[in-house]
Amino acid sequence: MAQTIISTKGQVVLPKAIRDKRRWKAGTRLTVEERADGVLLKPVAKQKVRTIDDWAGIVKYKGPALTVEDMNASIEKEFRRRHARGRY
């Protein structure tokens, strides 16, 4: 059975053998759950990396179809508005 010590900052070093077995690298996020007989550490589930296809169709546009030129002009107009620093 491995042992560890709580630092003055409340930090605990997990033994290397346990980290290796669980494949917990530096930066792994863990949930801490208090139990009657101790504390349970569980890795936080990783969020799925989303692609553009996951977002396609979320925003519904109602109106006439726009050309690429119209869309680019709108993007440029908004870019200039946001970065005008008060000079409209």
Protein backbone atom coordinates (compact mmCIF):
# COMPACT_ATOMS: atom_id res chain seq x y z
CA MET A 1 0.00 0.00 0.00
CA ALA A 2 1.42 3.38 -1.04
CA GLN A 3 1.44 6.39 1.25
CA THR A 4 1.67 10.11 0.62
CA ILE A 5 1.66 13.34 2.62
CA ILE A 6 -0.59 16.40 2.38
CA SER A 7 1.47 19.57 1.85
CA THR A 8 0.85 22.87 3.64
CA LYS A 9 -1.03 23.96 0.51
CA GLY A 10 -3.31 20.91 0.71
CA GLN A 11 -1.62 19.21 -2.23
CA VAL A 12 -1.21 15.45 -2.47
CA VAL A 13 1.26 13.65 -4.70
CA LEU A 14 -0.17 10.47 -6.16
CA PRO A 15 2.35 7.64 -6.36
CA LYS A 16 3.85 7.18 -9.83
CA ALA A 17 2.69 3.57 -10.07
CA ILE A 18 -0.94 4.67 -9.65
CA ARG A 19 -0.59 7.57 -12.12
CA ASP A 20 0.98 5.23 -14.67
CA LYS A 21 -1.66 2.54 -14.20
CA ARG A 22 -4.48 5.09 -14.61
CA ARG A 23 -2.63 6.94 -17.40
CA TRP A 24 -3.02 10.22 -15.49
CA LYS A 25 -0.57 12.77 -16.87
CA ALA A 26 0.23 16.23 -15.53
CA GLY A 27 -2.81 18.44 -16.07
CA THR A 28 -5.36 15.62 -15.79
CA ARG A 29 -8.53 17.01 -14.18
CA LEU A 30 -10.01 14.94 -11.37
CA THR A 31 -13.29 15.18 -9.50
CA VAL A 32 -12.99 14.81 -5.74
CA GLU A 33 -15.87 13.02 -4.07
CA GLU A 34 -16.09 12.70 -0.30
CA ARG A 35 -17.16 9.28 0.92
CA ALA A 36 -17.82 7.92 4.41
CA ASP A 37 -14.64 5.84 4.24
CA GLY A 38 -12.38 8.37 2.48
CA VAL A 39 -12.08 10.34 -0.74
CA LEU A 40 -12.65 9.13 -4.29
CA LEU A 41 -10.73 10.64 -7.23
CA LYS A 42 -12.16 10.23 -10.73
CA PRO A 43 -10.97 11.74 -14.00
CA VAL A 44 -13.26 14.33 -15.54
CA ALA A 45 -14.71 13.08 -18.82
CA LYS A 46 -13.08 14.74 -21.82
CA GLN A 47 -15.36 16.88 -23.92
CA LYS A 48 -15.81 15.90 -27.53
CA VAL A 49 -13.90 18.04 -30.00
CA ARG A 50 -16.49 19.55 -32.29
CA THR A 51 -16.12 19.96 -36.02
CA ILE A 52 -17.84 22.40 -38.34
CA ASP A 53 -20.26 19.63 -39.32
CA ASP A 54 -21.44 19.42 -35.69
CA TRP A 55 -22.44 23.10 -35.82
CA ALA A 56 -23.95 23.14 -39.30
CA GLY A 57 -27.65 23.84 -39.29
CA ILE A 58 -27.86 25.10 -35.70
CA VAL A 59 -28.70 28.66 -36.68
CA LYS A 60 -31.69 28.82 -38.96
CA TYR A 61 -31.62 31.65 -41.51
CA LYS A 62 -34.88 32.81 -42.98
CA GLY A 63 -34.53 35.06 -45.96
CA PRO A 64 -33.16 35.14 -49.45
CA ALA A 65 -29.95 33.32 -50.18
CA LEU A 66 -26.89 35.57 -50.00
CA THR A 67 -23.96 35.53 -52.37
CA VAL A 68 -20.43 35.02 -51.10
CA GLU A 69 -19.75 38.67 -51.96
CA ASP A 70 -22.72 39.80 -49.83
CA MET A 71 -21.52 37.69 -46.91
CA ASN A 72 -17.95 38.99 -47.23
CA ALA A 73 -19.24 42.59 -47.35
CA SER A 74 -21.28 42.02 -44.19
CA ILE A 75 -18.31 40.46 -42.40
CA GLU A 76 -16.07 43.36 -43.41
CA LYS A 77 -18.68 45.91 -42.31
CA GLU A 78 -18.99 44.28 -38.88
CA PHE A 79 -15.20 43.96 -38.55
CA ARG A 80 -14.77 47.65 -39.27
CA ARG A 81 -17.58 48.56 -36.84
CA ARG A 82 -16.03 46.56 -34.01
CA HIS A 83 -12.53 47.91 -34.59
CA ALA A 84 -13.33 51.51 -35.36
CA ARG A 85 -12.50 52.54 -31.77
CA GLY A 86 -15.38 54.94 -31.63
CA ARG A 87 -14.85 56.37 -35.13
CA TYR A 88 -18.00 55.30 -36.96
